[in-house]
C-alpha atoms as a PDB file:
ATOM      1  CA  MET A   1     -32.798  49.815  26.691  1.00  0.00           C
ATOM      2  CA  THR A   2     -29.538  51.045  28.251  1.00  0.00           C
ATOM      3  CA  ILE A   3     -26.973  49.949  30.736  1.00  0.00           C
ATOM      4  CA  ASN A   4     -24.869  52.222  32.932  1.00  0.00           C
ATOM      5  CA  CYS A   5     -21.122  51.407  32.580  1.00  0.00           C
ATOM      6  CA  ASN A   6     -19.113  53.549  34.992  1.00  0.00           C
ATOM      7  CA  GLY A   7     -21.396  56.472  34.326  1.00  0.00           C
ATOM      8  CA  LYS A   8     -21.521  55.945  30.610  1.00  0.00           C
ATOM      9  CA  LEU A   9     -24.942  55.029  29.247  1.00  0.00           C
ATOM     10  CA  ILE A  10     -24.732  52.355  26.549  1.00  0.00           C
ATOM     11  CA  ALA A  11     -27.863  51.991  24.453  1.00  0.00           C
ATOM     12  CA  LEU A  12     -28.737  48.429  23.400  1.00  0.00           C
ATOM     13  CA  ASP A  13     -31.531  49.291  21.038  1.00  0.00           C
ATOM     14  CA  LYS A  14     -29.047  48.343  18.308  1.00  0.00           C
ATOM     15  CA  PRO A  15     -26.847  45.247  18.776  1.00  0.00           C
ATOM     16  CA  LYS A  16     -23.286  45.660  20.067  1.00  0.00           C
ATOM     17  CA  VAL A  17     -20.165  43.577  19.953  1.00  0.00           C
ATOM     18  CA  MET A  18     -18.271  42.267  22.932  1.00  0.00           C
ATOM     19  CA  GLY A  19     -14.725  41.183  22.058  1.00  0.00           C
ATOM     20  CA  ILE A  20     -13.260  38.214  23.958  1.00  0.00           C
ATOM     21  CA  LEU A  21      -9.805  38.511  25.564  1.00  0.00           C
ATOM     22  CA  ASN A  22      -8.783  35.355  27.418  1.00  0.00           C
ATOM     23  CA  VAL A  23      -5.594  35.485  29.488  1.00  0.00           C
ATOM     24  CA  THR A  24      -5.758  31.792  30.403  1.00  0.00           C
ATOM     25  CA  PRO A  25      -3.402  29.090  29.123  1.00  0.00           C
ATOM     26  CA  ASP A  26      -6.204  26.630  28.360  1.00  0.00           C
ATOM     27  CA  SER A  27      -9.130  28.363  26.648  1.00  0.00           C
ATOM     28  CA  PHE A  28     -10.628  26.269  23.845  1.00  0.00           C
ATOM     29  CA  PHE A  29      -9.703  28.663  20.981  1.00  0.00           C
ATOM     30  CA  ASP A  30      -7.074  31.211  22.085  1.00  0.00           C
ATOM     31  CA  GLY A  31      -5.578  29.702  25.189  1.00  0.00           C
ATOM     32  CA  GLY A  32      -2.086  31.094  25.890  1.00  0.00           C
ATOM     33  CA  LYS A  33      -2.192  33.431  22.878  1.00  0.00           C
ATOM     34  CA  TYR A  34      -2.320  36.663  24.939  1.00  0.00           C
ATOM     35  CA  LYS A  35       0.309  36.349  27.659  1.00  0.00           C
ATOM     36  CA  ASP A  36       2.441  39.442  27.444  1.00  0.00           C
ATOM     37  CA  GLU A  37       1.751  43.230  27.422  1.00  0.00           C
ATOM     38  CA  PHE A  38       2.502  43.626  23.688  1.00  0.00           C
ATOM     39  CA  SER A  39       0.157  40.874  22.533  1.00  0.00           C
ATOM     40  CA  ILE A  40      -2.562  41.924  25.008  1.00  0.00           C
ATOM     41  CA  LEU A  41      -2.505  45.552  24.066  1.00  0.00           C
ATOM     42  CA  GLY A  42      -2.261  44.796  20.403  1.00  0.00           C
ATOM     43  CA  GLN A  43      -5.447  42.599  20.513  1.00  0.00           C
ATOM     44  CA  VAL A  44      -7.311  45.107  22.611  1.00  0.00           C
ATOM     45  CA  GLU A  45      -6.468  47.954  20.167  1.00  0.00           C
ATOM     46  CA  LYS A  46      -7.438  45.742  17.209  1.00  0.00           C
ATOM     47  CA  MET A  47     -10.820  44.917  18.673  1.00  0.00           C
ATOM     48  CA  LEU A  48     -11.637  48.487  19.657  1.00  0.00           C
ATOM     49  CA  LEU A  49     -10.624  49.815  16.213  1.00  0.00           C
ATOM     50  CA  GLU A  50     -12.767  47.154  14.588  1.00  0.00           C
ATOM     51  CA  GLY A  51     -15.812  48.328  16.544  1.00  0.00           C
ATOM     52  CA  ALA A  52     -16.063  46.412  19.804  1.00  0.00           C
ATOM     53  CA  THR A  53     -18.146  48.231  22.429  1.00  0.00           C
ATOM     54  CA  PHE A  54     -16.987  45.961  25.242  1.00  0.00           C
ATOM     55  CA  ILE A  55     -13.896  43.947  26.045  1.00  0.00           C
ATOM     56  CA  ASP A  56     -14.616  40.767  27.957  1.00  0.00           C
ATOM     57  CA  LEU A  57     -11.582  39.783  30.030  1.00  0.00           C
ATOM     58  CA  GLY A  58     -11.345  36.244  31.377  1.00  0.00           C
ATOM     59  CA  ALA A  59      -8.649  34.554  33.556  1.00  0.00           C
ATOM     60  CA  TYR A  60     -10.471  31.272  34.267  1.00  0.00           C
ATOM     61  CA  SER A  61     -11.211  28.934  31.390  1.00  0.00           C
ATOM     62  CA  SER A  62     -14.795  27.813  31.234  1.00  0.00           C
ATOM     63  CA  ARG A  63     -14.445  25.371  28.385  1.00  0.00           C
ATOM     64  CA  PRO A  64     -16.026  21.922  29.031  1.00  0.00           C
ATOM     65  CA  GLY A  65     -13.879  19.855  31.391  1.00  0.00           C
ATOM     66  CA  ALA A  66     -11.724  22.864  32.372  1.00  0.00           C
ATOM     67  CA  LEU A  67      -9.637  22.484  35.493  1.00  0.00           C
ATOM     68  CA  GLU A  68     -10.350  24.693  38.468  1.00  0.00           C
ATOM     69  CA  VAL A  69      -8.234  27.719  39.113  1.00  0.00           C
ATOM     70  CA  ASP A  70      -7.897  29.049  42.654  1.00  0.00           C
ATOM     71  CA  GLU A  71      -8.998  32.603  43.519  1.00  0.00           C
ATOM     72  CA  GLU A  72      -5.523  33.953  44.124  1.00  0.00           C
ATOM     73  CA  THR A  73      -4.314  32.719  40.683  1.00  0.00           C
ATOM     74  CA  GLU A  74      -7.348  34.261  39.003  1.00  0.00           C
ATOM     75  CA  LEU A  75      -6.682  37.631  40.693  1.00  0.00           C
ATOM     76  CA  LYS A  76      -2.984  37.590  39.883  1.00  0.00           C
ATOM     77  CA  ARG A  77      -3.808  36.934  36.259  1.00  0.00           C
ATOM     78  CA  ILE A  78      -6.580  39.476  35.785  1.00  0.00           C
ATOM     79  CA  LEU A  79      -5.995  42.562  37.925  1.00  0.00           C
ATOM     80  CA  PRO A  80      -2.762  43.615  36.137  1.00  0.00           C
ATOM     81  CA  ILE A  81      -4.455  43.284  32.805  1.00  0.00           C
ATOM     82  CA  VAL A  82      -7.417  45.494  33.871  1.00  0.00           C
ATOM     83  CA  SER A  83      -4.894  48.201  34.901  1.00  0.00           C
ATOM     84  CA  LEU A  84      -2.800  47.744  31.759  1.00  0.00           C
ATOM     85  CA  ILE A  85      -5.758  48.134  29.453  1.00  0.00           C
ATOM     86  CA  LEU A  86      -7.153  51.204  31.173  1.00  0.00           C
ATOM     87  CA  LYS A  87      -3.744  52.825  31.288  1.00  0.00           C
ATOM     88  CA  HIS A  88      -3.358  52.623  27.540  1.00  0.00           C
ATOM     89  CA  PHE A  89      -7.082  52.741  26.524  1.00  0.00           C
ATOM     90  CA  PRO A  90      -8.767  54.604  29.399  1.00  0.00           C
ATOM     91  CA  ASN A  91     -12.229  54.710  27.816  1.00  0.00           C
ATOM     92  CA  THR A  92     -12.482  50.931  27.336  1.00  0.00           C
ATOM     93  CA  ILE A  93     -15.576  49.344  28.790  1.00  0.00           C
ATOM     94  CA  ILE A  94     -14.217  46.132  30.410  1.00  0.00           C
ATOM     95  CA  SER A  95     -16.401  43.194  31.274  1.00  0.00           C
ATOM     96  CA  ILE A  96     -14.948  40.657  33.695  1.00  0.00           C
ATOM     97  CA  ASP A  97     -15.702  36.954  33.074  1.00  0.00           C
ATOM     98  CA  THR A  98     -15.805  35.581  36.605  1.00  0.00           C
ATOM     99  CA  PHE A  99     -18.188  33.834  39.014  1.00  0.00           C
ATOM    100  CA  ARG A 100     -16.271  34.936  42.123  1.00  0.00           C
ATOM    101  CA  SER A 101     -17.487  37.910  44.131  1.00  0.00           C
ATOM    102  CA  ARG A 102     -14.005  38.977  45.336  1.00  0.00           C
ATOM    103  CA  VAL A 103     -12.646  38.940  41.832  1.00  0.00           C
ATOM    104  CA  ALA A 104     -15.657  40.936  40.706  1.00  0.00           C
ATOM    105  CA  LYS A 105     -15.284  43.535  43.434  1.00  0.00           C
ATOM    106  CA  GLU A 106     -11.498  44.009  43.038  1.00  0.00           C
ATOM    107  CA  CYS A 107     -11.823  44.330  39.212  1.00  0.00           C
ATOM    108  CA  ILE A 108     -14.702  46.816  39.512  1.00  0.00           C
ATOM    109  CA  ASP A 109     -12.651  48.809  42.089  1.00  0.00           C
ATOM    110  CA  SER A 110      -9.800  48.750  39.532  1.00  0.00           C
ATOM    111  CA  GLY A 111     -11.999  50.302  36.772  1.00  0.00           C
ATOM    112  CA  ALA A 112     -13.874  47.387  35.080  1.00  0.00           C
ATOM    113  CA  ALA A 113     -17.496  48.173  34.311  1.00  0.00           C
ATOM    114  CA  ILE A 114     -19.399  44.859  33.930  1.00  0.00           C
ATOM    115  CA  ILE A 115     -19.383  41.382  35.493  1.00  0.00           C
ATOM    116  CA  ASN A 116     -20.077  38.417  33.246  1.00  0.00           C
ATOM    117  CA  ASP A 117     -20.977  35.455  35.551  1.00  0.00           C
ATOM    118  CA  ILE A 118     -21.378  32.015  33.981  1.00  0.00           C
ATOM    119  CA  SER A 119     -23.104  30.756  37.191  1.00  0.00           C
ATOM    120  CA  ALA A 120     -25.708  33.529  37.564  1.00  0.00           C
ATOM    121  CA  GLY A 121     -24.639  33.872  41.191  1.00  0.00           C
ATOM    122  CA  LEU A 122     -24.948  30.243  42.077  1.00  0.00           C
ATOM    123  CA  GLN A 123     -21.184  29.441  42.481  1.00  0.00           C
ATOM    124  CA  ASP A 124     -20.705  32.304  44.985  1.00  0.00           C
ATOM    125  CA  ASP A 125     -23.539  33.271  47.283  1.00  0.00           C
ATOM    126  CA  LYS A 126     -21.967  36.708  47.861  1.00  0.00           C
ATOM    127  CA  MET A 127     -22.007  37.665  44.201  1.00  0.00           C
ATOM    128  CA  LEU A 128     -25.482  39.207  43.981  1.00  0.00           C
ATOM    129  CA  SER A 129     -24.920  41.282  47.109  1.00  0.00           C
ATOM    130  CA  ILE A 130     -21.693  42.645  45.660  1.00  0.00           C
ATOM    131  CA  VAL A 131     -23.483  43.515  42.400  1.00  0.00           C
ATOM    132  CA  ALA A 132     -26.221  45.285  44.398  1.00  0.00           C
ATOM    133  CA  LYS A 133     -23.747  47.178  46.535  1.00  0.00           C
ATOM    134  CA  LEU A 134     -21.488  48.380  43.737  1.00  0.00           C
ATOM    135  CA  ASN A 135     -24.319  48.799  41.234  1.00  0.00           C
ATOM    136  CA  PHE A 136     -22.760  47.612  38.002  1.00  0.00           C
ATOM    137  CA  PRO A 137     -24.321  45.836  35.032  1.00  0.00           C
ATOM    138  CA  TYR A 138     -24.438  42.053  35.499  1.00  0.00           C
ATOM    139  CA  ILE A 139     -24.600  39.369  32.905  1.00  0.00           C
ATOM    140  CA  MET A 140     -26.105  36.202  34.205  1.00  0.00           C
ATOM    141  CA  MET A 141     -25.738  32.956  32.225  1.00  0.00           C
ATOM    142  CA  HIS A 142     -27.551  29.634  32.289  1.00  0.00           C
ATOM    143  CA  MET A 143     -25.408  26.654  33.329  1.00  0.00           C
ATOM    144  CA  ARG A 144     -25.715  23.508  35.357  1.00  0.00           C
ATOM    145  CA  GLY A 145     -22.880  22.375  37.557  1.00  0.00           C
ATOM    146  CA  THR A 146     -19.380  23.706  36.913  1.00  0.00           C
ATOM    147  CA  PRO A 147     -17.281  23.874  33.721  1.00  0.00           C
ATOM    148  CA  LYS A 148     -15.656  20.597  34.835  1.00  0.00           C
ATOM    149  CA  SER A 149     -18.945  18.753  35.377  1.00  0.00           C
ATOM    150  CA  MET A 150     -21.518  20.527  33.173  1.00  0.00           C
ATOM    151  CA  GLN A 151     -21.475  18.156  30.176  1.00  0.00           C
ATOM    152  CA  GLN A 152     -22.722  15.401  32.479  1.00  0.00           C
ATOM    153  CA  GLN A 153     -25.778  17.482  33.287  1.00  0.00           C
ATOM    154  CA  THR A 154     -27.631  17.742  29.939  1.00  0.00           C
ATOM    155  CA  GLY A 155     -30.858  16.059  30.841  1.00  0.00           C
ATOM    156  CA  TYR A 156     -33.808  18.274  29.908  1.00  0.00           C
ATOM    157  CA  GLU A 157     -37.436  17.497  29.193  1.00  0.00           C
ATOM    158  CA  ASP A 158     -38.044  20.909  27.622  1.00  0.00           C
ATOM    159  CA  ILE A 159     -34.876  22.930  27.382  1.00  0.00           C
ATOM    160  CA  LEU A 160     -36.449  26.379  26.643  1.00  0.00           C
ATOM    161  CA  LYS A 161     -39.005  25.972  29.472  1.00  0.00           C
ATOM    162  CA  GLU A 162     -36.248  24.940  31.914  1.00  0.00           C
ATOM    163  CA  VAL A 163     -33.931  27.772  30.904  1.00  0.00           C
ATOM    164  CA  LEU A 164     -36.694  30.317  31.257  1.00  0.00           C
ATOM    165  CA  TYR A 165     -37.615  28.968  34.660  1.00  0.00           C
ATOM    166  CA  PHE A 166     -33.930  29.217  35.697  1.00  0.00           C
ATOM    167  CA  PHE A 167     -33.895  32.876  34.727  1.00  0.00           C
ATOM    168  CA  SER A 168     -37.180  33.630  36.434  1.00  0.00           C
ATOM    169  CA  GLU A 169     -35.637  32.364  39.685  1.00  0.00           C
ATOM    170  CA  ARG A 170     -32.275  34.151  39.285  1.00  0.00           C
ATOM    171  CA  LEU A 171     -33.905  37.389  38.228  1.00  0.00           C
ATOM    172  CA  ALA A 172     -36.227  37.321  41.238  1.00  0.00           C
ATOM    173  CA  ALA A 173     -33.177  36.885  43.537  1.00  0.00           C
ATOM    174  CA  ALA A 174     -31.336  39.747  41.819  1.00  0.00           C
ATOM    175  CA  LYS A 175     -34.285  42.131  41.759  1.00  0.00           C
ATOM    176  CA  ALA A 176     -35.012  41.461  45.483  1.00  0.00           C
ATOM    177  CA  LEU A 177     -31.657  43.091  46.130  1.00  0.00           C
ATOM    178  CA  GLY A 178     -32.386  46.050  43.820  1.00  0.00           C
ATOM    179  CA  ILE A 179     -30.277  44.927  40.826  1.00  0.00           C
ATOM    180  CA  ASN A 180     -31.656  46.339  37.570  1.00  0.00           C
ATOM    181  CA  ASP A 181     -28.958  46.388  34.884  1.00  0.00           C
ATOM    182  CA  ILE A 182     -29.083  42.665  33.996  1.00  0.00           C
ATOM    183  CA  ILE A 183     -28.244  40.970  30.716  1.00  0.00           C
ATOM    184  CA  ILE A 184     -29.280  37.398  29.993  1.00  0.00           C
ATOM    185  CA  ASP A 185     -26.994  34.748  28.329  1.00  0.00           C
ATOM    186  CA  PRO A 186     -28.678  31.390  27.505  1.00  0.00           C
ATOM    187  CA  GLY A 187     -25.249  29.680  27.823  1.00  0.00           C
ATOM    188  CA  PHE A 188     -24.730  27.905  24.492  1.00  0.00           C
ATOM    189  CA  GLY A 189     -22.388  25.001  25.061  1.00  0.00           C
ATOM    190  CA  PHE A 190     -22.800  25.061  28.829  1.00  0.00           C
ATOM    191  CA  ALA A 191     -24.534  21.883  30.109  1.00  0.00           C
ATOM    192  CA  LYS A 192     -26.089  21.445  26.684  1.00  0.00           C
ATOM    193  CA  ASN A 193     -25.351  18.936  23.892  1.00  0.00           C
ATOM    194  CA  LEU A 194     -25.193  19.821  20.231  1.00  0.00           C
ATOM    195  CA  GLU A 195     -28.865  19.193  19.488  1.00  0.00           C
ATOM    196  CA  GLN A 196     -29.935  21.095  22.616  1.00  0.00           C
ATOM    197  CA  ASN A 197     -27.868  24.115  21.521  1.00  0.00           C
ATOM    198  CA  TYR A 198     -29.710  24.247  18.174  1.00  0.00           C
ATOM    199  CA  GLU A 199     -33.073  23.648  19.804  1.00  0.00           C
ATOM    200  CA  LEU A 200     -32.400  26.686  22.096  1.00  0.00           C
ATOM    201  CA  LEU A 201     -31.173  28.777  19.160  1.00  0.00           C
ATOM    202  CA  LYS A 202     -34.300  27.977  17.135  1.00  0.00           C
ATOM    203  CA  GLN A 203     -36.436  29.277  19.988  1.00  0.00           C
ATOM    204  CA  LEU A 204     -34.184  32.137  21.092  1.00  0.00           C
ATOM    205  CA  ASP A 205     -36.731  34.785  20.116  1.00  0.00           C
ATOM    206  CA  GLN A 206     -39.052  33.416  22.842  1.00  0.00           C
ATOM    207  CA  MET A 207     -36.474  34.555  25.441  1.00  0.00           C
ATOM    208  CA  LYS A 208     -37.399  38.135  24.628  1.00  0.00           C
ATOM    209  CA  SER A 209     -40.298  37.570  27.019  1.00  0.00           C
ATOM    210  CA  ILE A 210     -37.846  37.995  29.885  1.00  0.00           C
ATOM    211  CA  GLU A 211     -37.529  41.686  28.962  1.00  0.00           C
ATOM    212  CA  HIS A 212     -33.835  42.024  29.604  1.00  0.00           C
ATOM    213  CA  PRO A 213     -31.138  42.426  26.933  1.00  0.00           C
ATOM    214  CA  LEU A 214     -29.999  39.105  25.432  1.00  0.00           C
ATOM    215  CA  LEU A 215     -26.342  38.163  24.930  1.00  0.00           C
ATOM    216  CA  ALA A 216     -25.403  35.369  22.537  1.00  0.00           C
ATOM    217  CA  GLY A 217     -22.038  33.616  22.915  1.00  0.00           C
ATOM    218  CA  ILE A 218     -21.555  31.118  20.134  1.00  0.00           C
ATOM    219  CA  SER A 219     -18.229  32.236  18.694  1.00  0.00           C
ATOM    220  CA  ARG A 220     -16.233  29.294  17.317  1.00  0.00           C
ATOM    221  CA  LYS A 221     -17.950  26.848  19.693  1.00  0.00           C
ATOM    222  CA  SER A 222     -18.250  23.116  19.206  1.00  0.00           C
ATOM    223  CA  MET A 223     -21.942  23.439  18.172  1.00  0.00           C
ATOM    224  CA  ILE A 224     -20.516  25.016  14.971  1.00  0.00           C
ATOM    225  CA  TYR A 225     -17.320  23.178  14.301  1.00  0.00           C
ATOM    226  CA  LYS A 226     -18.659  19.690  15.124  1.00  0.00           C
ATOM    227  CA  THR A 227     -21.654  20.320  12.816  1.00  0.00           C
ATOM    228  CA  LEU A 228     -19.268  21.349  10.051  1.00  0.00           C
ATOM    229  CA  ASP A 229     -16.791  18.526  10.815  1.00  0.00           C
ATOM    230  CA  THR A 230     -13.992  21.052  11.255  1.00  0.00           C
ATOM    231  CA  THR A 231     -12.069  22.820  14.082  1.00  0.00           C
ATOM    232  CA  ALA A 232     -12.517  25.915  16.147  1.00  0.00           C
ATOM    233  CA  ALA A 233      -9.800  27.571  14.093  1.00  0.00           C
ATOM    234  CA  GLN A 234     -11.836  27.016  10.942  1.00  0.00           C
ATOM    235  CA  ALA A 235     -15.206  27.987  12.358  1.00  0.00           C
ATOM    236  CA  LEU A 236     -15.361  31.705  11.590  1.00  0.00           C
ATOM    237  CA  ASN A 237     -17.736  31.382   8.633  1.00  0.00           C
ATOM    238  CA  GLY A 238     -20.098  29.195  10.595  1.00  0.00           C
ATOM    239  CA  THR A 239     -19.923  31.582  13.520  1.00  0.00           C
ATOM    240  CA  THR A 240     -20.863  34.523  11.282  1.00  0.00           C
ATOM    241  CA  ALA A 241     -23.798  32.600   9.820  1.00  0.00           C
ATOM    242  CA  LEU A 242     -25.252  31.837  13.211  1.00  0.00           C
ATOM    243  CA  HIS A 243     -24.588  35.397  14.446  1.00  0.00           C
ATOM    244  CA  MET A 244     -27.114  36.559  11.897  1.00  0.00           C
ATOM    245  CA  VAL A 245     -29.632  34.088  13.259  1.00  0.00           C
ATOM    246  CA  CYS A 246     -28.992  35.387  16.813  1.00  0.00           C
ATOM    247  CA  LEU A 247     -29.505  38.931  15.750  1.00  0.00           C
ATOM    248  CA  GLN A 248     -32.698  38.089  13.942  1.00  0.00           C
ATOM    249  CA  LYS A 249     -33.995  36.362  17.060  1.00  0.00           C
ATOM    250  CA  GLY A 250     -33.302  39.336  19.324  1.00  0.00           C
ATOM    251  CA  ALA A 251     -29.697  39.218  20.539  1.00  0.00           C
ATOM    252  CA  LYS A 252     -28.473  42.650  21.618  1.00  0.00           C
ATOM    253  CA  ILE A 253     -24.904  41.688  22.275  1.00  0.00           C
ATOM    254  CA  VAL A 254     -22.754  39.115  20.492  1.00  0.00           C
ATOM    255  CA  ARG A 255     -19.674  37.910  22.379  1.00  0.00           C
ATOM    256  CA  VAL A 256     -17.021  37.129  19.806  1.00  0.00           C
ATOM    257  CA  HIS A 257     -13.422  36.281  19.058  1.00  0.00           C
ATOM    258  CA  ASP A 258     -13.590  38.062  15.668  1.00  0.00           C
ATOM    259  CA  VAL A 259     -14.854  41.574  16.027  1.00  0.00           C
ATOM    260  CA  LYS A 260     -14.568  42.847  12.420  1.00  0.00           C
ATOM    261  CA  GLU A 261     -16.745  40.065  11.011  1.00  0.00           C
ATOM    262  CA  ALA A 262     -19.334  40.465  13.801  1.00  0.00           C
ATOM    263  CA  VAL A 263     -19.560  44.219  13.226  1.00  0.00           C
ATOM    264  CA  GLU A 264     -20.068  43.622   9.505  1.00  0.00           C
ATOM    265  CA  CYS A 265     -22.820  41.116  10.306  1.00  0.00           C
ATOM    266  CA  ILE A 266     -24.566  43.711  12.447  1.00  0.00           C
ATOM    267  CA  LYS A 267     -24.305  46.313   9.600  1.00  0.00           C
ATOM    268  CA  LEU A 268     -25.957  43.914   7.220  1.00  0.00           C
ATOM    269  CA  TYR A 269     -28.603  43.129   9.739  1.00  0.00           C
ATOM    270  CA  HIS A 270     -29.325  46.839  10.118  1.00  0.00           C
ATOM    271  CA  GLN A 271     -29.590  47.231   6.359  1.00  0.00           C
ATOM    272  CA  LEU A 272     -31.893  44.221   6.059  1.00  0.00           C
ATOM    273  CA  ASN A 273     -34.150  45.770   8.713  1.00  0.00           C
ATOM    274  CA  ALA A 274     -33.973  49.376   7.654  1.00  0.00           C
END
């Protein structure tokens, strides 16, 4: 189980960590924290030294209720950061968190390696063709609606069945274009209420039937801090606890704000399963 990142084969037989770097002013946890070269490079260096395999760069907040950002603003935010990171840390494998094909193309042309699309190609009908043409690994996530509207679209009869059906359709569309390096993200917190998030987590191992690497993005999300009656800032311990559950149920990538703790969790998971 490998993905080709700009000619570098990354094996996913053992779980990897994807560190989050948001350069948006309104992300739910770290909005506005990384807004100058010094803070951005410091955080990237920290995550790489702590063991992140990937850095996931986002310039459009996808938190529930987030306001829309136009394409030009997203490009102006993100392209200089791609160049900045690769200038100082040229071996970094950068993932771009975007649902726009133009942003995806320009970032890949600038040296990014992966596209992380919260809409699985549904928000931009050119996305899959760009992925096929440029041949980069593609993360497709389950979501209904948009970040602004998704929490009004949580009506499911059987959430696992409906998420699996969603991926069967999106994978068929991708594979029809010859796209092979695909990673699946069930989309915790996206068009799902608290109970549905936990129902999906309990059954996460059944998503291994899709036969594509599974990414889990639960870091500091409301499914954790609301359950614990706390805040995102105080949700690290809860995040780590659920990361172990994700690993036990087959996650091959964990997308996190706190790399050191996630790497330690993976080491303990390896020891447990040695």
